[in-house]
Protein backbone atom coordinates (compact mmCIF):
# COMPACT_ATOMS: atom_id res chain seq x y z
CA MET A 1 179.48 209.40 241.06
CA TYR A 2 180.74 209.83 244.96
CA SER A 3 182.83 206.96 246.11
CA ILE A 4 184.48 207.05 249.28
CA CYS A 5 187.95 206.03 250.64
CA LYS A 6 189.53 205.13 254.71
CA LEU A 7 191.67 206.15 254.84
CA LYS A 8 195.30 204.54 256.39
CA PHE A 9 197.77 206.67 259.04
CA TRP A 10 200.69 206.07 256.73
CA ASN A 11 199.17 207.44 253.46
CA ILE A 12 201.21 210.58 253.86
CA ALA A 13 199.66 211.68 250.04
CA SER A 14 195.87 211.10 251.39
CA LEU A 15 195.84 212.86 254.76
CA LEU A 16 197.20 216.11 252.20
CA LYS A 17 194.04 216.18 250.38
CA VAL A 18 192.79 215.60 253.19
CA SER A 19 193.95 217.96 254.46
CA ASP A 20 193.60 220.59 251.08
CA ILE A 21 190.47 220.14 251.56
CA LEU A 22 189.77 221.90 255.12
CA TYR A 23 192.30 224.74 254.60
CA GLU A 24 189.98 224.68 251.31
CA CYS A 25 187.09 224.29 253.40
CA GLY A 26 187.28 227.05 255.36
CA LYS A 27 189.25 229.72 254.10
CA ASP A 28 185.36 229.56 251.36
CA MET A 29 183.45 229.89 254.66
CA ALA A 30 185.72 232.59 255.96
CA LYS A 31 184.71 234.49 252.63
CA LYS A 32 181.08 233.51 251.86
CA PHE A 33 180.05 233.20 255.42
CA ASP A 34 182.13 235.12 257.80
CA LEU A 35 183.59 232.21 259.86
CA HIS A 36 186.53 231.66 260.50
CA HIS A 37 186.19 228.71 263.50
CA TRP A 38 187.84 226.13 260.45
CA ASP A 39 190.74 229.16 258.69
CA ASN A 40 193.24 228.28 259.28
CA SER A 41 197.34 228.25 258.12
CA ARG A 42 197.96 224.72 255.71
CA LEU A 43 200.74 224.24 258.05
CA LYS A 44 197.44 224.22 260.86
CA SER A 45 195.07 222.05 258.30
CA LEU A 46 197.57 219.11 258.69
CA VAL A 47 198.79 219.39 262.26
CA ILE A 48 194.74 219.02 262.41
CA VAL A 49 195.09 215.45 260.50
CA LEU A 50 197.29 214.45 261.59
CA TRP A 51 196.32 215.00 265.46
CA CYS A 52 192.82 214.10 264.35
CA MET A 53 193.98 211.27 262.23
CA LEU A 54 195.16 209.35 266.61
CA LYS A 55 191.66 209.22 267.69
CA ASN A 56 188.85 209.26 264.32
CA ASN A 57 188.52 207.32 261.00
CA ILE A 58 189.26 209.59 258.06
CA TYR A 59 187.09 209.62 254.77
CA LEU A 60 187.70 210.79 252.28
CA VAL A 61 185.09 211.32 249.32
CA TYR A 62 186.06 211.27 245.13
CA ASN A 63 184.04 212.43 242.77
CA HIS A 64 185.09 210.04 239.07
CA LYS A 65 189.15 209.87 240.63
CA ILE A 66 188.74 213.69 241.92
CA PRO A 67 188.82 213.96 245.69
CA VAL A 68 186.47 216.75 246.70
CA ALA A 69 185.26 216.00 250.53
CA THR A 70 186.39 214.49 253.97
CA PHE A 71 184.74 213.57 257.49
CA GLN A 72 185.77 211.66 259.75
CA THR A 73 183.89 209.83 262.27
CA ARG A 74 184.73 207.63 265.49
CA LYS A 75 181.96 205.68 267.56
CA VAL A 76 181.40 206.49 271.76
CA ASN A 77 179.66 204.70 272.83
CA HIS A 78 175.96 204.02 271.25
CA SER A 79 176.75 206.77 269.13
CA TYR A 80 178.87 208.13 265.69
CA LEU A 81 180.16 211.13 266.30
CA PHE A 82 181.01 213.03 262.69
CA GLU A 83 183.31 215.82 262.59
CA LYS A 84 185.21 217.72 260.01
CA LEU A 85 182.86 216.92 257.45
CA ALA A 86 184.33 219.36 254.10
CA THR A 87 184.13 219.66 250.35
CA LEU A 88 185.60 221.73 248.25
CA PRO A 89 184.13 224.40 247.41
CA ASP A 90 184.30 223.95 243.01
CA PHE A 91 181.85 221.67 244.27
CA ALA A 92 179.89 222.81 247.43
CA GLY A 93 175.77 222.41 246.46
CA ASP A 94 176.07 219.39 243.78
CA GLY A 95 175.23 217.04 246.90
CA VAL A 96 178.76 216.02 247.80
CA GLY A 97 177.75 216.41 252.01
CA THR A 98 174.07 214.88 251.29
CA PHE A 99 176.69 211.96 250.19
CA CYS A 100 178.31 212.47 253.02
CA LEU A 101 176.19 212.12 254.84
CA ASN A 102 173.96 209.72 253.65
CA LYS A 103 177.40 207.36 253.88
CA ILE A 104 178.01 208.42 258.05
CA GLU A 105 174.45 206.61 258.10
CA LEU A 106 175.23 203.81 257.09
CA LEU A 107 178.75 203.37 258.55
CA GLY A 108 176.50 204.13 262.27
CA LYS A 109 173.90 202.03 261.69
CA ASN A 110 176.88 198.86 260.82
CA GLU A 111 177.99 200.06 263.65
CA GLY A 112 175.38 199.25 265.60
CA CYS A 113 174.84 203.18 266.41
CA GLN A 114 171.64 203.89 267.68
CA GLU A 115 172.45 207.78 266.38
CA ILE A 116 174.54 209.70 264.92
CA ILE A 117 175.94 213.02 266.96
CA CYS A 118 177.78 216.25 265.29
CA ALA A 119 178.89 220.42 266.56
CA VAL A 120 178.03 223.04 264.69
CA LEU A 121 178.92 226.77 265.70
CA GLU A 122 176.36 228.68 266.39
CA ASN A 123 175.86 231.30 264.08
CA SER A 124 176.32 228.61 260.67
CA GLU A 125 172.91 228.97 259.59
CA HIS A 126 172.89 226.99 256.53
CA ALA A 127 174.91 224.14 258.55
CA LYS A 128 172.60 224.40 260.82
CA ARG A 129 169.75 224.68 257.94
CA PHE A 130 171.40 221.68 255.96
CA TYR A 131 171.25 218.69 258.91
CA GLU A 132 168.06 220.28 260.30
CA ARG A 133 166.53 219.03 256.84
CA ARG A 134 167.86 215.83 257.26
CA GLY A 135 166.59 215.49 260.09
CA PHE A 136 169.22 216.27 263.10
CA ALA A 137 168.00 218.32 266.43
CA VAL A 138 169.85 220.35 268.91
CA TYR A 139 169.61 218.93 272.04
CA GLY A 140 172.94 221.08 273.20
CA THR A 141 175.31 223.28 273.41
CA THR A 142 179.04 223.21 273.64
CA ARG A 143 181.24 227.04 275.01
CA THR A 144 184.31 227.37 273.77
CA LEU A 145 186.59 230.46 274.99
CA LYS A 146 185.89 231.99 270.57
CA TYR A 147 182.77 229.74 269.94
CA THR A 148 179.89 228.26 271.28
CA GLU A 149 178.63 224.54 269.32
CA LEU A 150 174.94 223.26 268.81
CA LYS A 151 174.97 219.44 269.45
CA LEU A 152 173.37 217.96 267.11
CA LYS A 153 172.16 214.87 266.67
CA LYS A 154 169.52 212.11 264.71
CA ASN A 155 167.95 209.31 265.81
CA LEU A 156 169.50 205.78 263.54
CA GLU A 157 166.75 203.33 264.50
CA GLY A 158 163.25 203.30 263.06
């Protein structure tokens, strides 16, 4: 049902789809959960994607050839980091997030990583529950000018 595609830098059409998913997800999170950290303009969402392309692998997730989600990864030492896991609101709750996490875990294992790491906004209760149900645990925090992020990890060994 779902499939993923790793994007190439020159694939502007796919990068625009990623930007659209981040934009739509951000608007939805702000409306449903009062979380405004992803609530950006379309232009800012595109700039974020282009900037992230310089450091991350960006994936587009398809449901029968329709782009419905995205995530980004990179290997740092023995850790596999992922960020910007976002789903179009119409597909939220259909298992695409779990599909993405399973793929991220497999990618991390294939890279020889010992753990996968992400961060969530401290007051993002739905995201914390989502990751904790899938074996992640909080191991620290990061403070920014506007908010605090929880650092989460899941061991891949064993």
